[in-house]
Amino acid sequence: ASDLHDNIGQLLSLTALTLNSINLNEPQRLEKKVTESLNLV
């Protein structure tokens, strides 16, 4: 329960935050954010 809340929950929240911040009109930052999301997953 502690790991789900403190570790995995936080990692998935960061993943969602990173994906939501992707702007298709900024292709130069797109690859970096996708890579960050994959690392979090």
PDB file of all heavy atoms in Angstrom:
ATOM      1  N   ALA A   1       0.832  -1.210   0.000  1.00  0.00           N
ATOM      2  CA  ALA A   1       0.000   0.000   0.000  1.00  0.00           C
ATOM      3  C   ALA A   1       0.864   1.255   0.000  1.00  0.00           C
ATOM      4  O   ALA A   1       0.598   2.214  -0.729  1.00  0.00           O
ATOM      5  CB  ALA A   1      -0.933  -0.010   1.213  1.00  0.00           C
ATOM      6  N   SER A   2       1.923   1.228   0.826  1.00  0.00           N
ATOM      7  CA  SER A   2       2.822   2.388   0.912  1.00  0.00           C
ATOM      8  C   SER A   2       3.543   2.624  -0.403  1.00  0.00           C
ATOM      9  O   SER A   2       3.642   3.766  -0.880  1.00  0.00           O
ATOM     10  CB  SER A   2       3.840   2.153   2.044  1.00  0.00           C
ATOM     11  OG  SER A   2       4.776   3.195   2.088  1.00  0.00           O
ATOM     12  N   ASP A   3       4.047   1.539  -1.024  1.00  0.00           N
ATOM     13  CA  ASP A   3       4.768   1.672  -2.289  1.00  0.00           C
ATOM     14  C   ASP A   3       3.847   2.135  -3.422  1.00  0.00           C
ATOM     15  O   ASP A   3       4.247   2.927  -4.278  1.00  0.00           O
ATOM     16  CB  ASP A   3       5.430   0.349  -2.668  1.00  0.00           C
ATOM     17  CG  ASP A   3       6.769   0.152  -1.958  1.00  0.00           C
ATOM     18  OD1 ASP A   3       7.117   1.025  -1.143  1.00  0.00           O
ATOM     19  OD2 ASP A   3       7.444  -0.857  -2.198  1.00  0.00           O
ATOM     20  N   LEU A   4       2.621   1.614  -3.429  1.00  0.00           N
ATOM     21  CA  LEU A   4       1.659   2.044  -4.451  1.00  0.00           C
ATOM     22  C   LEU A   4       1.377   3.531  -4.341  1.00  0.00           C
ATOM     23  O   LEU A   4       1.298   4.241  -5.345  1.00  0.00           O
ATOM     24  CB  LEU A   4       0.349   1.259  -4.308  1.00  0.00           C
ATOM     25  CG  LEU A   4       0.336  -0.164  -4.880  1.00  0.00           C
ATOM     26  CD1 LEU A   4      -0.936  -0.889  -4.477  1.00  0.00           C
ATOM     27  CD2 LEU A   4       0.466  -0.150  -6.403  1.00  0.00           C
ATOM     28  N   HIS A   5       1.241   4.002  -3.098  1.00  0.00           N
ATOM     29  CA  HIS A   5       0.912   5.411  -2.878  1.00  0.00           C
ATOM     30  C   HIS A   5       2.122   6.319  -3.097  1.00  0.00           C
ATOM     31  O   HIS A   5       2.043   7.313  -3.822  1.00  0.00           O
ATOM     32  CB  HIS A   5       0.365   5.596  -1.459  1.00  0.00           C
ATOM     33  CG  HIS A   5      -0.022   7.008  -1.152  1.00  0.00           C
ATOM     34  ND1 HIS A   5       0.859   7.922  -0.604  1.00  0.00           N
ATOM     35  CD2 HIS A   5      -1.187   7.676  -1.326  1.00  0.00           C
ATOM     36  CE1 HIS A   5       0.247   9.082  -0.458  1.00  0.00           C
ATOM     37  NE2 HIS A   5      -0.992   8.960  -0.877  1.00  0.00           N
ATOM     38  N   ASP A   6       3.240   5.955  -2.464  1.00  0.00           N
ATOM     39  CA  ASP A   6       4.391   6.861  -2.434  1.00  0.00           C
ATOM     40  C   ASP A   6       5.274   6.779  -3.672  1.00  0.00           C
ATOM     41  O   ASP A   6       5.818   7.790  -4.112  1.00  0.00           O
ATOM     42  CB  ASP A   6       5.261   6.583  -1.199  1.00  0.00           C
ATOM     43  CG  ASP A   6       4.508   6.835   0.087  1.00  0.00           C
ATOM     44  OD1 ASP A   6       3.523   7.586   0.063  1.00  0.00           O
ATOM     45  OD2 ASP A   6       4.894   6.263   1.117  1.00  0.00           O
ATOM     46  N   ASN A   7       5.446   5.573  -4.221  1.00  0.00           N
ATOM     47  CA  ASN A   7       6.380   5.404  -5.331  1.00  0.00           C
ATOM     48  C   ASN A   7       5.674   5.331  -6.685  1.00  0.00           C
ATOM     49  O   ASN A   7       5.849   6.197  -7.542  1.00  0.00           O
ATOM     50  CB  ASN A   7       7.231   4.142  -5.125  1.00  0.00           C
ATOM     51  CG  ASN A   7       8.097   4.253  -3.884  1.00  0.00           C
ATOM     52  OD1 ASN A   7       8.465   5.332  -3.470  1.00  0.00           O
ATOM     53  ND2 ASN A   7       8.408   3.122  -3.287  1.00  0.00           N
ATOM     54  N   ILE A   8       4.872   4.281  -6.854  1.00  0.00           N
ATOM     55  CA  ILE A   8       4.244   4.065  -8.161  1.00  0.00           C
ATOM     56  C   ILE A   8       3.228   5.160  -8.472  1.00  0.00           C
ATOM     57  O   ILE A   8       3.156   5.660  -9.596  1.00  0.00           O
ATOM     58  CB  ILE A   8       3.597   2.660  -8.221  1.00  0.00           C
ATOM     59  CG1 ILE A   8       4.695   1.604  -8.067  1.00  0.00           C
ATOM     60  CG2 ILE A   8       2.848   2.468  -9.544  1.00  0.00           C
ATOM     61  CD1 ILE A   8       4.200   0.205  -7.846  1.00  0.00           C
ATOM     62  N   GLY A   9       2.451   5.562  -7.454  1.00  0.00           N
ATOM     63  CA  GLY A   9       1.476   6.637  -7.663  1.00  0.00           C
ATOM     64  C   GLY A   9       2.147   7.923  -8.113  1.00  0.00           C
ATOM     65  O   GLY A   9       1.670   8.612  -9.031  1.00  0.00           O
ATOM     66  N   GLN A  10       3.282   8.232  -7.474  1.00  0.00           N
ATOM     67  CA  GLN A  10       4.018   9.446  -7.827  1.00  0.00           C
ATOM     68  C   GLN A  10       4.606   9.354  -9.230  1.00  0.00           C
ATOM     69  O   GLN A  10       4.555  10.321 -10.007  1.00  0.00           O
ATOM     70  CB  GLN A  10       5.130   9.685  -6.815  1.00  0.00           C
ATOM     71  CG  GLN A  10       5.838  11.019  -6.984  1.00  0.00           C
ATOM     72  CD  GLN A  10       6.909  11.238  -5.929  1.00  0.00           C
ATOM     73  OE1 GLN A  10       7.426  10.280  -5.373  1.00  0.00           O
ATOM     74  NE2 GLN A  10       7.240  12.483  -5.668  1.00  0.00           N
ATOM     75  N   LEU A  11       5.155   8.186  -9.575  1.00  0.00           N
ATOM     76  CA  LEU A  11       5.731   7.999 -10.912  1.00  0.00           C
ATOM     77  C   LEU A  11       4.670   8.148 -12.006  1.00  0.00           C
ATOM     78  O   LEU A  11       4.907   8.802 -13.031  1.00  0.00           O
ATOM     79  CB  LEU A  11       6.383   6.611 -11.017  1.00  0.00           C
ATOM     80  CG  LEU A  11       7.735   6.436 -10.316  1.00  0.00           C
ATOM     81  CD1 LEU A  11       8.101   4.956 -10.241  1.00  0.00           C
ATOM     82  CD2 LEU A  11       8.828   7.216 -11.029  1.00  0.00           C
ATOM     83  N   LEU A  12       3.495   7.564 -11.774  1.00  0.00           N
ATOM     84  CA  LEU A  12       2.427   7.643 -12.778  1.00  0.00           C
ATOM     85  C   LEU A  12       1.858   9.052 -12.871  1.00  0.00           C
ATOM     86  O   LEU A  12       1.478   9.513 -13.959  1.00  0.00           O
ATOM     87  CB  LEU A  12       1.325   6.636 -12.453  1.00  0.00           C
ATOM     88  CG  LEU A  12       1.720   5.153 -12.614  1.00  0.00           C
ATOM     89  CD1 LEU A  12       0.594   4.238 -12.163  1.00  0.00           C
ATOM     90  CD2 LEU A  12       2.109   4.847 -14.068  1.00  0.00           C
ATOM     91  N   SER A  13       1.801   9.753 -11.743  1.00  0.00           N
ATOM     92  CA  SER A  13       1.345  11.155 -11.770  1.00  0.00           C
ATOM     93  C   SER A  13       2.301  12.022 -12.583  1.00  0.00           C
ATOM     94  O   SER A  13       1.872  12.875 -13.373  1.00  0.00           O
ATOM     95  CB  SER A  13       1.231  11.695 -10.342  1.00  0.00           C
ATOM     96  OG  SER A  13       0.223  11.029  -9.625  1.00  0.00           O
ATOM     97  N   LEU A  14       3.614  11.791 -12.385  1.00  0.00           N
ATOM     98  CA  LEU A  14       4.614  12.531 -13.154  1.00  0.00           C
ATOM     99  C   LEU A  14       4.523  12.206 -14.649  1.00  0.00           C
ATOM    100  O   LEU A  14       4.702  13.076 -15.500  1.00  0.00           O
ATOM    101  CB  LEU A  14       6.020  12.213 -12.640  1.00  0.00           C
ATOM    102  CG  LEU A  14       6.440  12.895 -11.337  1.00  0.00           C
ATOM    103  CD1 LEU A  14       7.744  12.302 -10.816  1.00  0.00           C
ATOM    104  CD2 LEU A  14       6.594  14.398 -11.541  1.00  0.00           C
ATOM    105  N   THR A  15       4.231  10.925 -14.943  1.00  0.00           N
ATOM    106  CA  THR A  15       4.078  10.509 -16.338  1.00  0.00           C
ATOM    107  C   THR A  15       2.915  11.257 -16.986  1.00  0.00           C
ATOM    108  O   THR A  15       3.037  11.803 -18.092  1.00  0.00           O
ATOM    109  CB  THR A  15       3.838   8.989 -16.436  1.00  0.00           C
ATOM    110  OG1 THR A  15       4.889   8.291 -15.768  1.00  0.00           O
ATOM    111  CG2 THR A  15       3.787   8.543 -17.885  1.00  0.00           C
ATOM    112  N   ALA A  16       1.772  11.264 -16.264  1.00  0.00           N
ATOM    113  CA  ALA A  16       0.584  11.953 -16.788  1.00  0.00           C
ATOM    114  C   ALA A  16       0.857  13.448 -16.979  1.00  0.00           C
ATOM    115  O   ALA A  16       0.462  14.051 -17.991  1.00  0.00           O
ATOM    116  CB  ALA A  16      -0.593  11.748 -15.841  1.00  0.00           C
ATOM    117  N   LEU A  17       1.555  14.043 -16.019  1.00  0.00           N
ATOM    118  CA  LEU A  17       1.872  15.475 -16.085  1.00  0.00           C
ATOM    119  C   LEU A  17       2.764  15.777 -17.288  1.00  0.00           C
ATOM    120  O   LEU A  17       2.543  16.767 -18.015  1.00  0.00           O
ATOM    121  CB  LEU A  17       2.581  15.887 -14.792  1.00  0.00           C
ATOM    122  CG  LEU A  17       2.637  17.373 -14.451  1.00  0.00           C
ATOM    123  CD1 LEU A  17       1.247  17.929 -14.177  1.00  0.00           C
ATOM    124  CD2 LEU A  17       3.528  17.597 -13.238  1.00  0.00           C
ATOM    125  N   THR A  18       3.761  14.908 -17.504  1.00  0.00           N
ATOM    126  CA  THR A  18       4.685  15.105 -18.627  1.00  0.00           C
ATOM    127  C   THR A  18       3.966  14.962 -19.961  1.00  0.00           C
ATOM    128  O   THR A  18       4.160  15.770 -20.886  1.00  0.00           O
ATOM    129  CB  THR A  18       5.846  14.086 -18.552  1.00  0.00           C
ATOM    130  OG1 THR A  18       6.486  14.190 -17.277  1.00  0.00           O
ATOM    131  CG2 THR A  18       6.874  14.342 -19.642  1.00  0.00           C
ATOM    132  N   LEU A  19       3.103  13.933 -20.079  1.00  0.00           N
ATOM    133  CA  LEU A  19       2.365  13.727 -21.330  1.00  0.00           C
ATOM    134  C   LEU A  19       1.392  14.865 -21.602  1.00  0.00           C
ATOM    135  O   LEU A  19       1.214  15.295 -22.747  1.00  0.00           O
ATOM    136  CB  LEU A  19       1.616  12.392 -21.275  1.00  0.00           C
ATOM    137  CG  LEU A  19       2.483  11.132 -21.352  1.00  0.00           C
ATOM    138  CD1 LEU A  19       1.650   9.883 -21.081  1.00  0.00           C
ATOM    139  CD2 LEU A  19       3.180  11.021 -22.715  1.00  0.00           C
ATOM    140  N   ASN A  20       0.749  15.353 -20.534  1.00  0.00           N
ATOM    141  CA  ASN A  20      -0.212  16.454 -20.697  1.00  0.00           C
ATOM    142  C   ASN A  20       0.469  17.759 -21.104  1.00  0.00           C
ATOM    143  O   ASN A  20      -0.174  18.657 -21.662  1.00  0.00           O
ATOM    144  CB  ASN A  20      -0.999  16.673 -19.401  1.00  0.00           C
ATOM    145  CG  ASN A  20      -2.078  15.613 -19.210  1.00  0.00           C
ATOM    146  OD1 ASN A  20      -2.627  15.097 -20.176  1.00  0.00           O
ATOM    147  ND2 ASN A  20      -2.387  15.292 -17.963  1.00  0.00           N
ATOM    148  N   SER A  21       1.759  17.868 -20.806  1.00  0.00           N
ATOM    149  CA  SER A  21       2.475  19.110 -21.127  1.00  0.00           C
ATOM    150  C   SER A  21       3.031  19.121 -22.555  1.00  0.00           C
ATOM    151  O   SER A  21       3.623  20.111 -22.985  1.00  0.00           O
ATOM    152  CB  SER A  21       3.621  19.322 -20.131  1.00  0.00           C
ATOM    153  OG  SER A  21       4.644  18.361 -20.334  1.00  0.00           O
ATOM    154  N   ILE A  22       2.849  18.007 -23.271  1.00  0.00           N
ATOM    155  CA  ILE A  22       3.350  17.935 -24.653  1.00  0.00           C
ATOM    156  C   ILE A  22       2.547  18.869 -25.553  1.00  0.00           C
ATOM    157  O   ILE A  22       1.310  18.859 -25.549  1.00  0.00           O
ATOM    158  CB  ILE A  22       3.279  16.486 -25.187  1.00  0.00           C
ATOM    159  CG1 ILE A  22       4.338  15.618 -24.496  1.00  0.00           C
ATOM    160  CG2 ILE A  22       3.480  16.454 -26.703  1.00  0.00           C
ATOM    161  CD1 ILE A  22       4.264  14.153 -24.860  1.00  0.00           C
ATOM    162  N   ASN A  23       3.248  19.677 -26.288  1.00  0.00           N
ATOM    163  CA  ASN A  23       2.635  20.600 -27.248  1.00  0.00           C
ATOM    164  C   ASN A  23       3.108  20.208 -28.648  1.00  0.00           C
ATOM    165  O   ASN A  23       4.291  20.300 -28.965  1.00  0.00           O
ATOM    166  CB  ASN A  23       3.041  22.041 -26.922  1.00  0.00           C
ATOM    167  CG  ASN A  23       2.296  23.062 -27.785  1.00  0.00           C
ATOM    168  OD1 ASN A  23       1.729  22.719 -28.826  1.00  0.00           O
ATOM    169  ND2 ASN A  23       2.310  24.313 -27.344  1.00  0.00           N
ATOM    170  N   LEU A  24       2.170  19.750 -29.472  1.00  0.00           N
ATOM    171  CA  LEU A  24       2.521  19.282 -30.815  1.00  0.00           C
ATOM    172  C   LEU A  24       3.075  20.400 -31.701  1.00  0.00           C
ATOM    173  O   LEU A  24       3.679  20.134 -32.752  1.00  0.00           O
ATOM    174  CB  LEU A  24       1.301  18.642 -31.491  1.00  0.00           C
ATOM    175  CG  LEU A  24       0.770  17.372 -30.801  1.00  0.00           C
ATOM    176  CD1 LEU A  24      -0.472  16.865 -31.500  1.00  0.00           C
ATOM    177  CD2 LEU A  24       1.844  16.284 -30.789  1.00  0.00           C
ATOM    178  N   ASN A  25       2.869  21.638 -31.279  1.00  0.00           N
ATOM    179  CA  ASN A  25       3.392  22.764 -32.044  1.00  0.00           C
ATOM    180  C   ASN A  25       4.838  23.079 -31.685  1.00  0.00           C
ATOM    181  O   ASN A  25       5.417  24.032 -32.231  1.00  0.00           O
ATOM    182  CB  ASN A  25       2.523  24.011 -31.808  1.00  0.00           C
ATOM    183  CG  ASN A  25       1.116  23.817 -32.340  1.00  0.00           C
ATOM    184  OD1 ASN A  25       0.923  23.227 -33.399  1.00  0.00           O
ATOM    185  ND2 ASN A  25       0.126  24.298 -31.593  1.00  0.00           N
ATOM    186  N   GLU A  26       5.417  22.303 -30.743  1.00  0.00           N
ATOM    187  CA  GLU A  26       6.824  22.481 -30.357  1.00  0.00           C
ATOM    188  C   GLU A  26       7.588  21.176 -30.595  1.00  0.00           C
ATOM    189  O   GLU A  26       7.951  20.459 -29.651  1.00  0.00           O
ATOM    190  CB  GLU A  26       6.931  22.897 -28.888  1.00  0.00           C
ATOM    191  CG  GLU A  26       6.293  24.239 -28.575  1.00  0.00           C
ATOM    192  CD  GLU A  26       6.383  24.593 -27.088  1.00  0.00           C
ATOM    193  OE1 GLU A  26       6.534  23.671 -26.258  1.00  0.00           O
ATOM    194  OE2 GLU A  26       6.303  25.786 -26.769  1.00  0.00           O
ATOM    195  N   PRO A  27       7.821  20.823 -31.851  1.00  0.00           N
ATOM    196  CA  PRO A  27       8.457  19.529 -32.164  1.00  0.00           C
ATOM    197  C   PRO A  27       9.846  19.366 -31.571  1.00  0.00           C
ATOM    198  O   PRO A  27      10.284  18.249 -31.291  1.00  0.00           O
ATOM    199  CB  PRO A  27       8.512  19.528 -33.700  1.00  0.00           C
ATOM    200  CG  PRO A  27       8.358  20.967 -34.098  1.00  0.00           C
ATOM    201  CD  PRO A  27       7.533  21.616 -33.038  1.00  0.00           C
ATOM    202  N   GLN A  28      10.565  20.477 -31.333  1.00  0.00           N
ATOM    203  CA  GLN A  28      11.912  20.380 -30.785  1.00  0.00           C
ATOM    204  C   GLN A  28      11.908  19.872 -29.339  1.00  0.00           C
ATOM    205  O   GLN A  28      12.902  19.313 -28.855  1.00  0.00           O
ATOM    206  CB  GLN A  28      12.635  21.745 -30.874  1.00  0.00           C
ATOM    207  CG  GLN A  28      12.082  22.840 -29.981  1.00  0.00           C
ATOM    208  CD  GLN A  28      10.898  23.576 -30.600  1.00  0.00           C
ATOM    209  OE1 GLN A  28      10.342  23.132 -31.606  1.00  0.00           O
ATOM    210  NE2 GLN A  28      10.533  24.697 -30.008  1.00  0.00           N
ATOM    211  N   ARG A  29      10.800  20.043 -28.598  1.00  0.00           N
ATOM    212  CA  ARG A  29      10.701  19.568 -27.216  1.00  0.00           C
ATOM    213  C   ARG A  29       9.938  18.247 -27.118  1.00  0.00           C
ATOM    214  O   ARG A  29       9.905  17.623 -26.062  1.00  0.00           O
ATOM    215  CB  ARG A  29       9.991  20.621 -26.360  1.00  0.00           C
ATOM    216  CG  ARG A  29      10.743  21.957 -26.314  1.00  0.00           C
ATOM    217  CD  ARG A  29      10.018  22.969 -25.471  1.00  0.00           C
ATOM    218  NE  ARG A  29       9.950  22.545 -24.077  1.00  0.00           N
ATOM    219  CZ  ARG A  29       9.243  23.185 -23.129  1.00  0.00           C
ATOM    220  NH1 ARG A  29       8.559  24.267 -23.456  1.00  0.00           N
ATOM    221  NH2 ARG A  29       9.235  22.749 -21.902  1.00  0.00           N
ATOM    222  N   LEU A  30       9.335  17.830 -28.223  1.00  0.00           N
ATOM    223  CA  LEU A  30       8.486  16.640 -28.222  1.00  0.00           C
ATOM    224  C   LEU A  30       9.262  15.375 -27.879  1.00  0.00           C
ATOM    225  O   LEU A  30       8.855  14.591 -27.017  1.00  0.00           O
ATOM    226  CB  LEU A  30       7.818  16.496 -29.592  1.00  0.00           C
ATOM    227  CG  LEU A  30       6.826  15.343 -29.761  1.00  0.00           C
ATOM    228  CD1 LEU A  30       5.652  15.502 -28.821  1.00  0.00           C
ATOM    229  CD2 LEU A  30       6.327  15.284 -31.202  1.00  0.00           C
ATOM    230  N   GLU A  31      10.401  15.155 -28.537  1.00  0.00           N
ATOM    231  CA  GLU A  31      11.193  13.934 -28.322  1.00  0.00           C
ATOM    232  C   GLU A  31      11.657  13.810 -26.870  1.00  0.00           C
ATOM    233  O   GLU A  31      11.597  12.737 -26.270  1.00  0.00           O
ATOM    234  CB  GLU A  31      12.398  13.922 -29.262  1.00  0.00           C
ATOM    235  CG  GLU A  31      13.216  12.633 -29.172  1.00  0.00           C
ATOM    236  CD  GLU A  31      14.397  12.617 -30.127  1.00  0.00           C
ATOM    237  OE1 GLU A  31      14.510  13.524 -30.986  1.00  0.00           O
ATOM    238  OE2 GLU A  31      15.221  11.688 -30.001  1.00  0.00           O
ATOM    239  N   LYS A  32      12.101  14.937 -26.303  1.00  0.00           N
ATOM    240  CA  LYS A  32      12.582  14.931 -24.917  1.00  0.00           C
ATOM    241  C   LYS A  32      11.476  14.519 -23.952  1.00  0.00           C
ATOM    242  O   LYS A  32      11.683  13.700 -23.051  1.00  0.00           O
ATOM    243  CB  LYS A  32      13.120  16.316 -24.549  1.00  0.00           C
ATOM    244  CG  LYS A  32      13.692  16.377 -23.149  1.00  0.00           C
ATOM    245  CD  LYS A  32      14.143  17.795 -22.798  1.00  0.00           C
ATOM    246  CE  LYS A  32      14.628  17.849 -21.361  1.00  0.00           C
ATOM    247  NZ  LYS A  32      15.000  19.225 -20.953  1.00  0.00           N
ATOM    248  N   LYS A  33      10.276  15.052 -24.148  1.00  0.00           N
ATOM    249  CA  LYS A  33       9.173  14.749 -23.226  1.00  0.00           C
ATOM    250  C   LYS A  33       8.681  13.306 -23.384  1.00  0.00           C
ATOM    251  O   LYS A  33       8.315  12.658 -22.406  1.00  0.00           O
ATOM    252  CB  LYS A  33       8.028  15.740 -23.437  1.00  0.00           C
ATOM    253  CG  LYS A  33       8.394  17.154 -23.019  1.00  0.00           C
ATOM    254  CD  LYS A  33       7.194  17.958 -22.612  1.00  0.00           C
ATOM    255  CE  LYS A  33       7.649  19.278 -21.998  1.00  0.00           C
ATOM    256  NZ  LYS A  33       6.516  20.043 -21.447  1.00  0.00           N
ATOM    257  N   VAL A  34       8.683  12.809 -24.606  1.00  0.00           N
ATOM    258  CA  VAL A  34       8.298  11.416 -24.832  1.00  0.00           C
ATOM    259  C   VAL A  34       9.310  10.478 -24.164  1.00  0.00           C
ATOM    260  O   VAL A  34       8.939   9.482 -23.528  1.00  0.00           O
ATOM    261  CB  VAL A  34       8.176  11.112 -26.339  1.00  0.00           C
ATOM    262  CG1 VAL A  34       8.032   9.602 -26.573  1.00  0.00           C
ATOM    263  CG2 VAL A  34       6.979  11.841 -26.933  1.00  0.00           C
ATOM    264  N   THR A  35      10.594  10.797 -24.295  1.00  0.00           N
ATOM    265  CA  THR A  35      11.654   9.986 -23.663  1.00  0.00           C
ATOM    266  C   THR A  35      11.500   9.999 -22.137  1.00  0.00           C
ATOM    267  O   THR A  35      11.624   8.958 -21.481  1.00  0.00           O
ATOM    268  CB  THR A  35      13.052  10.529 -24.051  1.00  0.00           C
ATOM    269  OG1 THR A  35      13.183  10.489 -25.475  1.00  0.00           O
ATOM    270  CG2 THR A  35      14.147   9.680 -23.421  1.00  0.00           C
ATOM    271  N   GLU A  36      11.241  11.177 -21.574  1.00  0.00           N
ATOM    272  CA  GLU A  36      11.030  11.287 -20.125  1.00  0.00           C
ATOM    273  C   GLU A  36       9.845  10.422 -19.688  1.00  0.00           C
ATOM    274  O   GLU A  36       9.907   9.725 -18.659  1.00  0.00           O
ATOM    275  CB  GLU A  36      10.769  12.745 -19.739  1.00  0.00           C
ATOM    276  CG  GLU A  36      12.013  13.617 -19.753  1.00  0.00           C
ATOM    277  CD  GLU A  36      11.696  15.080 -19.474  1.00  0.00           C
ATOM    278  OE1 GLU A  36      10.507  15.394 -19.233  1.00  0.00           O
ATOM    279  OE2 GLU A  36      12.627  15.905 -19.510  1.00  0.00           O
ATOM    280  N   SER A  37       8.773  10.454 -20.462  1.00  0.00           N
ATOM    281  CA  SER A  37       7.572   9.672 -20.138  1.00  0.00           C
ATOM    282  C   SER A  37       7.864   8.177 -20.184  1.00  0.00           C
ATOM    283  O   SER A  37       7.429   7.416 -19.305  1.00  0.00           O
ATOM    284  CB  SER A  37       6.437  10.009 -21.113  1.00  0.00           C
ATOM    285  OG  SER A  37       6.093  11.375 -21.023  1.00  0.00           O
ATOM    286  N   LEU A  38       8.621   7.736 -21.206  1.00  0.00           N
ATOM    287  CA  LEU A  38       8.977   6.316 -21.314  1.00  0.00           C
ATOM    288  C   LEU A  38       9.839   5.876 -20.135  1.00  0.00           C
ATOM    289  O   LEU A  38       9.650   4.773 -19.588  1.00  0.00           O
ATOM    290  CB  LEU A  38       9.730   6.067 -22.629  1.00  0.00           C
ATOM    291  CG  LEU A  38       8.871   6.040 -23.897  1.00  0.00           C
ATOM    292  CD1 LEU A  38       9.760   5.993 -25.133  1.00  0.00           C
ATOM    293  CD2 LEU A  38       7.920   4.836 -23.882  1.00  0.00           C
ATOM    294  N   ASN A  39      10.765   6.715 -19.710  1.00  0.00           N
ATOM    295  CA  ASN A  39      11.609   6.397 -18.557  1.00  0.00           C
ATOM    296  C   ASN A  39      10.777   6.254 -17.284  1.00  0.00           C
ATOM    297  O   ASN A  39      11.019   5.358 -16.463  1.00  0.00           O
ATOM    298  CB  ASN A  39      12.685   7.472 -18.363  1.00  0.00           C
ATOM    299  CG  ASN A  39      13.759   7.425 -19.435  1.00  0.00           C
ATOM    300  OD1 ASN A  39      13.972   6.389 -20.055  1.00  0.00           O
ATOM    301  ND2 ASN A  39      14.445   8.537 -19.646  1.00  0.00           N
ATOM    302  N   LEU A  40       9.797   7.129 -17.106  1.00  0.00           N
ATOM    303  CA  LEU A  40       8.912   7.066 -15.943  1.00  0.00           C
ATOM    304  C   LEU A  40       8.061   5.803 -15.962  1.00  0.00           C
ATOM    305  O   LEU A  40       7.859   5.151 -14.931  1.00  0.00           O
ATOM    306  CB  LEU A  40       8.022   8.311 -15.884  1.00  0.00           C
ATOM    307  CG  LEU A  40       8.714   9.620 -15.493  1.00  0.00           C
ATOM    308  CD1 LEU A  40       7.814  10.812 -15.804  1.00  0.00           C
ATOM    309  CD2 LEU A  40       9.083   9.605 -14.016  1.00  0.00           C
ATOM    310  N   VAL A  41       7.567   5.448 -17.151  1.00  0.00           N
ATOM    311  CA  VAL A  41       6.767   4.219 -17.284  1.00  0.00           C
ATOM    312  C   VAL A  41       7.618   2.991 -16.972  1.00  0.00           C
ATOM    313  O   VAL A  41       7.183   2.072 -16.262  1.00  0.00           O
ATOM    314  CB  VAL A  41       6.154   4.112 -18.700  1.00  0.00           C
ATOM    315  CG1 VAL A  41       5.559   2.719 -18.927  1.00  0.00           C
ATOM    316  CG2 VAL A  41       5.082   5.166 -18.888  1.00  0.00           C
TER     317      VAL A  41
END
